[in-house]
């Protein structure tokens, strides 16, 4: 592998950051007082009944399509020593669950004769276990609120999915940094993909794609304190319920519903299948508490992340810009 001076310096710098050298204040600031949060109002969402596909789903796919994985056929290999791998590239049209090519979908359930449509995507937790327990240190919680995965350095180990109570991140094999050496060293599994709340659009003061096209304005984004106050006001005006404020240690996504989330969760559980599983809407298990014994894995993250950054800089490649 040839490495020029610029690549060496870039790799060294990236490795130094990943290995825990002092970071700029903004990177250590945690969630800012004016960070982004969103409301999903289930009293307004109807799942776009008159459309072939919910517009939040089609808009997200259209706007983020350039970021979707494009695996090479010869890189799609089983995860050693397993006899399988996760490949969604031939099933890109799937839109009723989260996949590497579908970052939001709409579930529909009926409770007491009332049909409820529920947009589902990353909750953007305040203290996300996917960030705390990523062995490679490539999951991040930005001070602005969104939780995102760096696709250039992700190995696709899927620990983020294991510790997410909603099983949000999804894996695509055959792409990512691990493909540089998988013929010689069977380490890695691809790249994990999920909603990042269109964080770059937010930085440009633009609306996330899913919200931009919502005809009912059932989803909105704004400053956290304003969104929380509005969510509480809506809950009270509906004599309803609020979800996302405390769940999993708190999130940046607030669901408001006239129907009790316990009942919605039971309805979701009744229709869950082995293939799709259950994305809970009531008291999800706090995986940070459950996975305490695995927290030691986070100690390996700086070293692994630093190695990945170094190798990536040396190769001079980027995956899924």
C-alpha atoms as a PDB file:
ATOM      1  CA  UNK A   1       0.000   0.000   0.000  1.00  0.00           C
ATOM      2  CA  UNK A   2       1.440   3.313  -1.095  1.00  0.00           C
ATOM      3  CA  UNK A   3       0.961   6.251   1.184  1.00  0.00           C
ATOM      4  CA  UNK A   4       1.922   9.789   0.341  1.00  0.00           C
ATOM      5  CA  UNK A   5       2.872  12.443   2.892  1.00  0.00           C
ATOM      6  CA  UNK A   6      -0.603  14.011   2.897  1.00  0.00           C
ATOM      7  CA  UNK A   7      -2.225  10.631   3.470  1.00  0.00           C
ATOM      8  CA  UNK A   8       0.173   9.845   6.289  1.00  0.00           C
ATOM      9  CA  UNK A   9      -0.499  13.155   8.024  1.00  0.00           C
ATOM     10  CA  UNK A  10      -4.250  12.838   7.560  1.00  0.00           C
ATOM     11  CA  UNK A  11      -4.223   9.315   8.938  1.00  0.00           C
ATOM     12  CA  UNK A  12      -2.079  10.328  11.880  1.00  0.00           C
ATOM     13  CA  UNK A  13      -4.346  13.261  12.699  1.00  0.00           C
ATOM     14  CA  UNK A  14      -7.489  11.177  12.438  1.00  0.00           C
ATOM     15  CA  UNK A  15      -5.970   8.454  14.566  1.00  0.00           C
ATOM     16  CA  UNK A  16      -4.913  10.981  17.196  1.00  0.00           C
ATOM     17  CA  UNK A  17      -8.418  12.355  17.440  1.00  0.00           C
ATOM     18  CA  UNK A  18      -9.928   8.883  17.597  1.00  0.00           C
ATOM     19  CA  UNK A  19      -7.478   7.855  20.322  1.00  0.00           C
ATOM     20  CA  UNK A  20      -8.686  10.497  22.697  1.00  0.00           C
ATOM     21  CA  UNK A  21      -6.492  13.574  22.327  1.00  0.00           C
ATOM     22  CA  UNK A  22      -8.218  16.847  23.316  1.00  0.00           C
ATOM     23  CA  UNK A  23     -11.090  17.767  21.036  1.00  0.00           C
ATOM     24  CA  UNK A  24     -12.601  21.155  20.239  1.00  0.00           C
ATOM     25  CA  UNK A  25     -15.021  22.368  22.918  1.00  0.00           C
ATOM     26  CA  UNK A  26     -18.058  21.810  20.690  1.00  0.00           C
ATOM     27  CA  UNK A  27     -17.257  18.098  20.428  1.00  0.00           C
ATOM     28  CA  UNK A  28     -17.277  17.751  24.219  1.00  0.00           C
ATOM     29  CA  UNK A  29     -20.204  20.018  24.924  1.00  0.00           C
ATOM     30  CA  UNK A  30     -22.936  17.373  24.878  1.00  0.00           C
ATOM     31  CA  UNK A  31     -26.401  18.402  23.760  1.00  0.00           C
ATOM     32  CA  UNK A  32     -26.718  22.137  23.374  1.00  0.00           C
ATOM     33  CA  UNK A  33     -29.631  24.037  24.898  1.00  0.00           C
ATOM     34  CA  UNK A  34     -30.808  24.946  21.399  1.00  0.00           C
ATOM     35  CA  UNK A  35     -30.164  21.517  19.855  1.00  0.00           C
ATOM     36  CA  UNK A  36     -32.627  20.033  17.382  1.00  0.00           C
ATOM     37  CA  UNK A  37     -35.570  17.860  18.388  1.00  0.00           C
ATOM     38  CA  UNK A  38     -38.636  16.706  16.507  1.00  0.00           C
ATOM     39  CA  UNK A  39     -42.316  16.029  17.130  1.00  0.00           C
ATOM     40  CA  UNK A  40     -44.261  13.226  15.471  1.00  0.00           C
ATOM     41  CA  UNK A  41     -47.969  13.854  15.945  1.00  0.00           C
ATOM     42  CA  UNK A  42     -49.864  10.587  15.519  1.00  0.00           C
ATOM     43  CA  UNK A  43     -53.198  12.404  15.565  1.00  0.00           C
ATOM     44  CA  UNK A  44     -52.279  14.048  12.252  1.00  0.00           C
ATOM     45  CA  UNK A  45     -50.450  11.275  10.392  1.00  0.00           C
ATOM     46  CA  UNK A  46     -52.699   9.136   8.184  1.00  0.00           C
ATOM     47  CA  UNK A  47     -49.933   7.237   6.404  1.00  0.00           C
ATOM     48  CA  UNK A  48     -50.742   9.068   3.148  1.00  0.00           C
ATOM     49  CA  UNK A  49     -53.667   6.747   2.473  1.00  0.00           C
ATOM     50  CA  UNK A  50     -54.236   8.251  -0.973  1.00  0.00           C
ATOM     51  CA  UNK A  51     -50.634   7.661  -2.053  1.00  0.00           C
ATOM     52  CA  UNK A  52     -48.843   4.553  -3.235  1.00  0.00           C
ATOM     53  CA  UNK A  53     -46.209   5.161  -0.564  1.00  0.00           C
ATOM     54  CA  UNK A  54     -46.099   7.529   2.444  1.00  0.00           C
ATOM     55  CA  UNK A  55     -44.510  10.761   1.246  1.00  0.00           C
ATOM     56  CA  UNK A  56     -42.095  10.855   4.201  1.00  0.00           C
ATOM     57  CA  UNK A  57     -40.718   7.519   2.978  1.00  0.00           C
ATOM     58  CA  UNK A  58     -40.446   8.406  -0.712  1.00  0.00           C
ATOM     59  CA  UNK A  59     -38.998  11.845   0.043  1.00  0.00           C
ATOM     60  CA  UNK A  60     -36.326  10.402   2.332  1.00  0.00           C
ATOM     61  CA  UNK A  61     -35.348   7.800  -0.259  1.00  0.00           C
ATOM     62  CA  UNK A  62     -35.215  10.349  -3.072  1.00  0.00           C
ATOM     63  CA  UNK A  63     -33.231  12.882  -1.058  1.00  0.00           C
ATOM     64  CA  UNK A  64     -30.758  10.430   0.427  1.00  0.00           C
ATOM     65  CA  UNK A  65     -30.397   8.020  -2.470  1.00  0.00           C
ATOM     66  CA  UNK A  66     -26.914   9.267  -3.304  1.00  0.00           C
ATOM     67  CA  UNK A  67     -25.804   8.076   0.147  1.00  0.00           C
ATOM     68  CA  UNK A  68     -27.131   4.536  -0.210  1.00  0.00           C
ATOM     69  CA  UNK A  69     -24.580   1.671  -0.393  1.00  0.00           C
ATOM     70  CA  UNK A  70     -23.451   0.317  -3.756  1.00  0.00           C
ATOM     71  CA  UNK A  71     -21.779  -3.044  -3.058  1.00  0.00           C
ATOM     72  CA  UNK A  72     -19.582  -4.735  -5.629  1.00  0.00           C
ATOM     73  CA  UNK A  73     -20.750  -8.255  -6.406  1.00  0.00           C
ATOM     74  CA  UNK A  74     -17.335  -9.785  -5.678  1.00  0.00           C
ATOM     75  CA  UNK A  75     -17.297  -8.177  -2.219  1.00  0.00           C
ATOM     76  CA  UNK A  76     -20.529  -9.817  -1.058  1.00  0.00           C
ATOM     77  CA  UNK A  77     -19.112 -12.621   1.062  1.00  0.00           C
ATOM     78  CA  UNK A  78     -20.310 -14.551   4.067  1.00  0.00           C
ATOM     79  CA  UNK A  79     -19.190 -13.301   7.463  1.00  0.00           C
ATOM     80  CA  UNK A  80     -16.555 -15.732   8.610  1.00  0.00           C
ATOM     81  CA  UNK A  81     -17.139 -18.192  10.271  1.00  0.00           C
ATOM     82  CA  UNK A  82     -20.851 -17.761   9.485  1.00  0.00           C
ATOM     83  CA  UNK A  83     -22.452 -18.975   6.295  1.00  0.00           C
ATOM     84  CA  UNK A  84     -24.463 -15.838   5.635  1.00  0.00           C
ATOM     85  CA  UNK A  85     -24.249 -12.093   5.068  1.00  0.00           C
ATOM     86  CA  UNK A  86     -26.716  -9.196   5.016  1.00  0.00           C
ATOM     87  CA  UNK A  87     -27.407  -7.935   1.520  1.00  0.00           C
ATOM     88  CA  UNK A  88     -30.328  -5.620   0.817  1.00  0.00           C
ATOM     89  CA  UNK A  89     -29.040  -4.379  -2.540  1.00  0.00           C
ATOM     90  CA  UNK A  90     -31.517  -6.534  -4.484  1.00  0.00           C
ATOM     91  CA  UNK A  91     -34.383  -5.562  -2.127  1.00  0.00           C
ATOM     92  CA  UNK A  92     -34.093  -1.797  -2.271  1.00  0.00           C
ATOM     93  CA  UNK A  93     -37.823  -1.447  -2.858  1.00  0.00           C
ATOM     94  CA  UNK A  94     -38.696  -2.707   0.648  1.00  0.00           C
ATOM     95  CA  UNK A  95     -40.431   0.181   2.388  1.00  0.00           C
ATOM     96  CA  UNK A  96     -42.280  -1.364   5.339  1.00  0.00           C
ATOM     97  CA  UNK A  97     -39.256  -1.759   7.609  1.00  0.00           C
ATOM     98  CA  UNK A  98     -35.885  -0.156   8.208  1.00  0.00           C
ATOM     99  CA  UNK A  99     -33.137  -1.217   5.804  1.00  0.00           C
ATOM    100  CA  UNK A 100     -29.858   0.290   4.554  1.00  0.00           C
ATOM    101  CA  UNK A 101     -31.984   1.757   1.731  1.00  0.00           C
ATOM    102  CA  UNK A 102     -35.032   2.777   3.761  1.00  0.00           C
ATOM    103  CA  UNK A 103     -34.450   4.974   6.807  1.00  0.00           C
ATOM    104  CA  UNK A 104     -38.060   5.681   7.723  1.00  0.00           C
ATOM    105  CA  UNK A 105     -41.280   3.684   7.373  1.00  0.00           C
ATOM    106  CA  UNK A 106     -44.863   3.913   8.610  1.00  0.00           C
ATOM    107  CA  UNK A 107     -46.495   1.248  10.756  1.00  0.00           C
ATOM    108  CA  UNK A 108     -50.269   1.034  10.974  1.00  0.00           C
ATOM    109  CA  UNK A 109     -52.262  -0.546  13.790  1.00  0.00           C
ATOM    110  CA  UNK A 110     -55.861  -0.490  14.945  1.00  0.00           C
ATOM    111  CA  UNK A 111     -56.729   0.130  18.587  1.00  0.00           C
ATOM    112  CA  UNK A 112     -60.333   0.221  19.818  1.00  0.00           C
ATOM    113  CA  UNK A 113     -61.577   0.772  16.279  1.00  0.00           C
ATOM    114  CA  UNK A 114     -59.176   3.640  15.633  1.00  0.00           C
ATOM    115  CA  UNK A 115     -56.508   3.303  12.946  1.00  0.00           C
ATOM    116  CA  UNK A 116     -53.171   4.820  13.923  1.00  0.00           C
ATOM    117  CA  UNK A 117     -50.252   5.482  11.550  1.00  0.00           C
ATOM    118  CA  UNK A 118     -46.815   5.590  13.181  1.00  0.00           C
ATOM    119  CA  UNK A 119     -43.724   6.901  11.334  1.00  0.00           C
ATOM    120  CA  UNK A 120     -40.654   5.018  12.606  1.00  0.00           C
ATOM    121  CA  UNK A 121     -37.005   6.037  12.330  1.00  0.00           C
ATOM    122  CA  UNK A 122     -34.024   6.685  14.621  1.00  0.00           C
ATOM    123  CA  UNK A 123     -35.081   8.276  17.940  1.00  0.00           C
ATOM    124  CA  UNK A 124     -31.787  10.220  18.271  1.00  0.00           C
ATOM    125  CA  UNK A 125     -31.308   9.389  21.946  1.00  0.00           C
ATOM    126  CA  UNK A 126     -29.830  11.873  24.403  1.00  0.00           C
ATOM    127  CA  UNK A 127     -27.408   9.269  25.768  1.00  0.00           C
ATOM    128  CA  UNK A 128     -27.334   6.714  22.938  1.00  0.00           C
ATOM    129  CA  UNK A 129     -26.031   3.224  23.746  1.00  0.00           C
ATOM    130  CA  UNK A 130     -25.071   2.813  20.081  1.00  0.00           C
ATOM    131  CA  UNK A 131     -22.516   5.601  20.577  1.00  0.00           C
ATOM    132  CA  UNK A 132     -21.329   4.461  23.994  1.00  0.00           C
ATOM    133  CA  UNK A 133     -20.797   0.835  23.003  1.00  0.00           C
ATOM    134  CA  UNK A 134     -19.585   1.041  19.393  1.00  0.00           C
ATOM    135  CA  UNK A 135     -16.286  -0.928  19.476  1.00  0.00           C
ATOM    136  CA  UNK A 136     -14.901   1.192  16.633  1.00  0.00           C
ATOM    137  CA  UNK A 137     -15.950   4.631  17.854  1.00  0.00           C
ATOM    138  CA  UNK A 138     -17.717   5.541  14.599  1.00  0.00           C
ATOM    139  CA  UNK A 139     -21.151   6.346  16.057  1.00  0.00           C
ATOM    140  CA  UNK A 140     -21.539   9.951  17.185  1.00  0.00           C
ATOM    141  CA  UNK A 141     -24.002  12.117  19.075  1.00  0.00           C
ATOM    142  CA  UNK A 142     -23.605  15.658  17.789  1.00  0.00           C
ATOM    143  CA  UNK A 143     -24.117  18.638  20.123  1.00  0.00           C
ATOM    144  CA  UNK A 144     -26.861  19.700  17.705  1.00  0.00           C
ATOM    145  CA  UNK A 145     -28.888  16.578  18.530  1.00  0.00           C
ATOM    146  CA  UNK A 146     -28.648  14.047  15.658  1.00  0.00           C
ATOM    147  CA  UNK A 147     -27.002  10.660  16.140  1.00  0.00           C
ATOM    148  CA  UNK A 148     -25.052   9.543  13.090  1.00  0.00           C
ATOM    149  CA  UNK A 149     -22.671   6.842  11.844  1.00  0.00           C
ATOM    150  CA  UNK A 150     -19.477   7.605   9.929  1.00  0.00           C
ATOM    151  CA  UNK A 151     -19.778   5.301   6.886  1.00  0.00           C
ATOM    152  CA  UNK A 152     -16.135   5.825   5.920  1.00  0.00           C
ATOM    153  CA  UNK A 153     -14.901   4.137   9.117  1.00  0.00           C
ATOM    154  CA  UNK A 154     -17.711   1.741  10.030  1.00  0.00           C
ATOM    155  CA  UNK A 155     -16.793  -1.962  10.083  1.00  0.00           C
ATOM    156  CA  UNK A 156     -20.401  -3.158  10.215  1.00  0.00           C
ATOM    157  CA  UNK A 157     -19.978  -5.017  13.497  1.00  0.00           C
ATOM    158  CA  UNK A 158     -23.683  -4.322  14.262  1.00  0.00           C
ATOM    159  CA  UNK A 159     -23.135  -3.731  17.991  1.00  0.00           C
ATOM    160  CA  UNK A 160     -25.116  -0.499  17.504  1.00  0.00           C
ATOM    161  CA  UNK A 161     -28.130  -2.536  16.399  1.00  0.00           C
ATOM    162  CA  UNK A 162     -27.723  -5.007  19.247  1.00  0.00           C
ATOM    163  CA  UNK A 163     -27.811  -2.291  21.899  1.00  0.00           C
ATOM    164  CA  UNK A 164     -30.523  -0.162  20.260  1.00  0.00           C
ATOM    165  CA  UNK A 165     -33.877  -0.953  21.938  1.00  0.00           C
ATOM    166  CA  UNK A 166     -35.586  -0.161  18.613  1.00  0.00           C
ATOM    167  CA  UNK A 167     -33.071  -2.113  16.454  1.00  0.00           C
ATOM    168  CA  UNK A 168     -32.696   0.913  14.177  1.00  0.00           C
ATOM    169  CA  UNK A 169     -29.287   0.622  12.387  1.00  0.00           C
ATOM    170  CA  UNK A 170     -29.263  -1.844   9.495  1.00  0.00           C
ATOM    171  CA  UNK A 171     -26.275  -3.494   7.817  1.00  0.00           C
ATOM    172  CA  UNK A 172     -25.197  -3.803   4.208  1.00  0.00           C
ATOM    173  CA  UNK A 173     -22.368  -6.184   3.337  1.00  0.00           C
ATOM    174  CA  UNK A 174     -19.843  -5.627   0.565  1.00  0.00           C
ATOM    175  CA  UNK A 175     -19.158  -1.957   1.279  1.00  0.00           C
ATOM    176  CA  UNK A 176     -16.945  -0.040   3.670  1.00  0.00           C
ATOM    177  CA  UNK A 177     -13.407  -0.054   4.912  1.00  0.00           C
ATOM    178  CA  UNK A 178     -13.385  -3.775   5.747  1.00  0.00           C
ATOM    179  CA  UNK A 179     -13.496  -4.656   2.046  1.00  0.00           C
ATOM    180  CA  UNK A 180      -9.883  -3.465   1.762  1.00  0.00           C
ATOM    181  CA  UNK A 181      -8.639  -6.562   3.546  1.00  0.00           C
ATOM    182  CA  UNK A 182     -11.499  -9.072   3.846  1.00  0.00           C
ATOM    183  CA  UNK A 183      -9.784 -11.455   1.408  1.00  0.00           C
ATOM    184  CA  UNK A 184      -6.844 -11.772   3.780  1.00  0.00           C
ATOM    185  CA  UNK A 185      -8.400 -10.993   7.157  1.00  0.00           C
ATOM    186  CA  UNK A 186     -12.081 -11.854   7.692  1.00  0.00           C
ATOM    187  CA  UNK A 187     -12.896  -8.925   9.977  1.00  0.00           C
ATOM    188  CA  UNK A 188     -15.923  -6.699   9.589  1.00  0.00           C
ATOM    189  CA  UNK A 189     -19.319  -7.032   8.014  1.00  0.00           C
ATOM    190  CA  UNK A 190     -20.061  -3.955   5.932  1.00  0.00           C
ATOM    191  CA  UNK A 191     -21.522  -0.613   6.999  1.00  0.00           C
ATOM    192  CA  UNK A 192     -24.466   0.255   9.263  1.00  0.00           C
ATOM    193  CA  UNK A 193     -27.012   2.750   7.930  1.00  0.00           C
ATOM    194  CA  UNK A 194     -29.801   4.779   9.522  1.00  0.00           C
ATOM    195  CA  UNK A 195     -31.515   8.176   9.666  1.00  0.00           C
ATOM    196  CA  UNK A 196     -29.261  11.039  10.759  1.00  0.00           C
ATOM    197  CA  UNK A 197     -32.140  13.570  10.851  1.00  0.00           C
ATOM    198  CA  UNK A 198     -30.686  15.098   7.670  1.00  0.00           C
ATOM    199  CA  UNK A 199     -28.153  16.825   9.913  1.00  0.00           C
ATOM    200  CA  UNK A 200     -26.377  18.552   7.022  1.00  0.00           C
ATOM    201  CA  UNK A 201     -29.673  20.003   5.843  1.00  0.00           C
ATOM    202  CA  UNK A 202     -30.399  21.199   9.374  1.00  0.00           C
ATOM    203  CA  UNK A 203     -26.997  22.903   9.447  1.00  0.00           C
ATOM    204  CA  UNK A 204     -28.085  24.749   6.290  1.00  0.00           C
ATOM    205  CA  UNK A 205     -31.411  25.643   7.961  1.00  0.00           C
ATOM    206  CA  UNK A 206     -33.308  23.289   5.662  1.00  0.00           C
ATOM    207  CA  UNK A 207     -36.043  20.859   6.677  1.00  0.00           C
ATOM    208  CA  UNK A 208     -35.328  17.090   6.799  1.00  0.00           C
ATOM    209  CA  UNK A 209     -36.597  15.369   3.664  1.00  0.00           C
ATOM    210  CA  UNK A 210     -39.221  13.292   5.501  1.00  0.00           C
ATOM    211  CA  UNK A 211     -40.823  16.417   6.994  1.00  0.00           C
ATOM    212  CA  UNK A 212     -40.529  18.563   3.893  1.00  0.00           C
ATOM    213  CA  UNK A 213     -43.155  16.594   1.967  1.00  0.00           C
ATOM    214  CA  UNK A 214     -45.518  15.624   4.822  1.00  0.00           C
ATOM    215  CA  UNK A 215     -48.945  16.875   3.654  1.00  0.00           C
ATOM    216  CA  UNK A 216     -50.420  16.810   7.175  1.00  0.00           C
ATOM    217  CA  UNK A 217     -47.439  18.487   8.850  1.00  0.00           C
ATOM    218  CA  UNK A 218     -47.466  15.569  11.270  1.00  0.00           C
ATOM    219  CA  UNK A 219     -43.705  15.898  11.786  1.00  0.00           C
ATOM    220  CA  UNK A 220     -41.825  19.041  12.662  1.00  0.00           C
ATOM    221  CA  UNK A 221     -38.376  19.986  13.880  1.00  0.00           C
ATOM    222  CA  UNK A 222     -37.115  22.896  15.947  1.00  0.00           C
ATOM    223  CA  UNK A 223     -35.181  23.902  19.037  1.00  0.00           C
ATOM    224  CA  UNK A 224     -35.396  21.250  21.710  1.00  0.00           C
ATOM    225  CA  UNK A 225     -37.046  23.271  24.463  1.00  0.00           C
ATOM    226  CA  UNK A 226     -39.631  24.660  22.049  1.00  0.00           C
ATOM    227  CA  UNK A 227     -40.425  21.201  20.673  1.00  0.00           C
ATOM    228  CA  UNK A 228     -40.714  19.697  24.148  1.00  0.00           C
ATOM    229  CA  UNK A 229     -43.042  22.499  25.281  1.00  0.00           C
ATOM    230  CA  UNK A 230     -45.145  22.088  22.132  1.00  0.00           C
ATOM    231  CA  UNK A 231     -45.289  18.307  22.560  1.00  0.00           C
ATOM    232  CA  UNK A 232     -46.482  18.729  26.152  1.00  0.00           C
ATOM    233  CA  UNK A 233     -49.069  21.294  25.034  1.00  0.00           C
ATOM    234  CA  UNK A 234     -50.379  18.944  22.340  1.00  0.00           C
ATOM    235  CA  UNK A 235     -50.550  16.042  24.801  1.00  0.00           C
ATOM    236  CA  UNK A 236     -52.620  18.142  27.194  1.00  0.00           C
ATOM    237  CA  UNK A 237     -54.880  19.510  24.446  1.00  0.00           C
ATOM    238  CA  UNK A 238     -55.581  15.946  23.231  1.00  0.00           C
ATOM    239  CA  UNK A 239     -55.870  14.642  26.798  1.00  0.00           C
ATOM    240  CA  UNK A 240     -53.401  12.185  25.369  1.00  0.00           C
ATOM    241  CA  UNK A 241     -49.943  10.723  25.788  1.00  0.00           C
ATOM    242  CA  UNK A 242     -46.288  11.621  25.179  1.00  0.00           C
ATOM    243  CA  UNK A 243     -43.439   9.246  24.298  1.00  0.00           C
ATOM    244  CA  UNK A 244     -39.701   9.863  23.939  1.00  0.00           C
ATOM    245  CA  UNK A 245     -39.003  12.269  26.788  1.00  0.00           C
ATOM    246  CA  UNK A 246     -37.695   9.650  29.247  1.00  0.00           C
ATOM    247  CA  UNK A 247     -37.517   6.446  27.188  1.00  0.00           C
ATOM    248  CA  UNK A 248     -34.018   4.940  26.934  1.00  0.00           C
ATOM    249  CA  UNK A 249     -32.683   7.828  29.018  1.00  0.00           C
ATOM    250  CA  UNK A 250     -34.452  10.447  26.889  1.00  0.00           C
ATOM    251  CA  UNK A 251     -34.530  11.114  23.158  1.00  0.00           C
ATOM    252  CA  UNK A 252     -34.736  13.984  20.697  1.00  0.00           C
ATOM    253  CA  UNK A 253     -37.929  12.565  19.172  1.00  0.00           C
ATOM    254  CA  UNK A 254     -41.268  13.229  20.854  1.00  0.00           C
ATOM    255  CA  UNK A 255     -44.330  11.221  19.814  1.00  0.00           C
ATOM    256  CA  UNK A 256     -47.758  12.621  20.716  1.00  0.00           C
ATOM    257  CA  UNK A 257     -50.848  10.416  20.599  1.00  0.00           C
ATOM    258  CA  UNK A 258     -54.488  10.356  21.679  1.00  0.00           C
ATOM    259  CA  UNK A 259     -54.105   6.597  22.139  1.00  0.00           C
ATOM    260  CA  UNK A 260     -52.158   5.208  25.096  1.00  0.00           C
ATOM    261  CA  UNK A 261     -48.707   4.009  24.005  1.00  0.00           C
ATOM    262  CA  UNK A 262     -49.201   0.838  26.069  1.00  0.00           C
ATOM    263  CA  UNK A 263     -52.101  -0.058  23.803  1.00  0.00           C
ATOM    264  CA  UNK A 264     -50.191   0.916  20.673  1.00  0.00           C
ATOM    265  CA  UNK A 265     -47.243  -1.192  21.795  1.00  0.00           C
ATOM    266  CA  UNK A 266     -49.479  -4.214  22.392  1.00  0.00           C
ATOM    267  CA  UNK A 267     -51.010  -3.818  18.942  1.00  0.00           C
ATOM    268  CA  UNK A 268     -47.531  -3.629  17.414  1.00  0.00           C
ATOM    269  CA  UNK A 269     -46.451  -6.717  19.366  1.00  0.00           C
ATOM    270  CA  UNK A 270     -49.497  -8.638  18.131  1.00  0.00           C
ATOM    271  CA  UNK A 271     -48.596  -8.002  14.496  1.00  0.00           C
ATOM    272  CA  UNK A 272     -44.806  -8.376  14.855  1.00  0.00           C
ATOM    273  CA  UNK A 273     -43.246 -11.194  12.884  1.00  0.00           C
ATOM    274  CA  UNK A 274     -39.989 -13.088  13.195  1.00  0.00           C
ATOM    275  CA  UNK A 275     -38.693 -11.201  10.155  1.00  0.00           C
ATOM    276  CA  UNK A 276     -39.615  -7.693  11.286  1.00  0.00           C
ATOM    277  CA  UNK A 277     -39.637  -8.068  15.048  1.00  0.00           C
ATOM    278  CA  UNK A 278     -40.974  -5.409  17.418  1.00  0.00           C
ATOM    279  CA  UNK A 279     -39.964  -1.762  17.512  1.00  0.00           C
ATOM    280  CA  UNK A 280     -41.396  -0.942  20.958  1.00  0.00           C
ATOM    281  CA  UNK A 281     -43.478   2.104  21.725  1.00  0.00           C
ATOM    282  CA  UNK A 282     -43.643   1.546  25.470  1.00  0.00           C
ATOM    283  CA  UNK A 283     -40.893   1.366  28.105  1.00  0.00           C
ATOM    284  CA  UNK A 284     -38.044   0.068  25.934  1.00  0.00           C
ATOM    285  CA  UNK A 285     -35.287  -1.693  27.817  1.00  0.00           C
ATOM    286  CA  UNK A 286     -32.385   0.604  28.655  1.00  0.00           C
ATOM    287  CA  UNK A 287     -29.579  -1.222  26.905  1.00  0.00           C
ATOM    288  CA  UNK A 288     -26.815   0.758  28.587  1.00  0.00           C
ATOM    289  CA  UNK A 289     -27.926  -0.666  31.919  1.00  0.00           C
ATOM    290  CA  UNK A 290     -28.383  -4.166  30.499  1.00  0.00           C
ATOM    291  CA  UNK A 291     -25.056  -4.179  28.689  1.00  0.00           C
ATOM    292  CA  UNK A 292     -22.919  -2.885  31.563  1.00  0.00           C
ATOM    293  CA  UNK A 293     -20.573  -5.816  31.233  1.00  0.00           C
ATOM    294  CA  UNK A 294     -19.972  -4.892  27.600  1.00  0.00           C
ATOM    295  CA  UNK A 295     -19.091  -1.297  28.383  1.00  0.00           C
ATOM    296  CA  UNK A 296     -15.431  -2.314  28.480  1.00  0.00           C
ATOM    297  CA  UNK A 297     -15.669  -2.666  24.713  1.00  0.00           C
ATOM    298  CA  UNK A 298     -15.801   1.103  24.494  1.00  0.00           C
ATOM    299  CA  UNK A 299     -12.197   1.181  25.734  1.00  0.00           C
ATOM    300  CA  UNK A 300     -11.163  -0.472  22.477  1.00  0.00           C
ATOM    301  CA  UNK A 301     -12.973   2.100  20.367  1.00  0.00           C
ATOM    302  CA  UNK A 302     -10.230   4.745  20.259  1.00  0.00           C
ATOM    303  CA  UNK A 303      -7.590   2.254  19.156  1.00  0.00           C
ATOM    304  CA  UNK A 304      -9.817   0.558  16.588  1.00  0.00           C
ATOM    305  CA  UNK A 305     -11.135   3.859  15.310  1.00  0.00           C
ATOM    306  CA  UNK A 306      -7.623   5.250  15.079  1.00  0.00           C
ATOM    307  CA  UNK A 307      -6.422   2.245  13.108  1.00  0.00           C
ATOM    308  CA  UNK A 308      -9.391   2.525  10.755  1.00  0.00           C
ATOM    309  CA  UNK A 309      -8.817   6.236  10.211  1.00  0.00           C
ATOM    310  CA  UNK A 310      -5.140   5.636   9.482  1.00  0.00           C
ATOM    311  CA  UNK A 311      -5.822   2.866   6.978  1.00  0.00           C
ATOM    312  CA  UNK A 312      -8.589   4.856   5.313  1.00  0.00           C
ATOM    313  CA  UNK A 313      -6.379   7.885   4.842  1.00  0.00           C
ATOM    314  CA  UNK A 314      -3.684   5.711   3.389  1.00  0.00           C
ATOM    315  CA  UNK A 315      -5.993   4.116   0.882  1.00  0.00           C
ATOM    316  CA  UNK A 316      -7.249   7.510  -0.177  1.00  0.00           C
ATOM    317  CA  UNK A 317     -10.763   6.172  -0.596  1.00  0.00           C
ATOM    318  CA  UNK A 318     -14.159   7.286   0.580  1.00  0.00           C
ATOM    319  CA  UNK A 319     -17.236   5.139   0.968  1.00  0.00           C
ATOM    320  CA  UNK A 320     -20.754   6.497   0.475  1.00  0.00           C
ATOM    321  CA  UNK A 321     -19.973  10.218   0.509  1.00  0.00           C
END
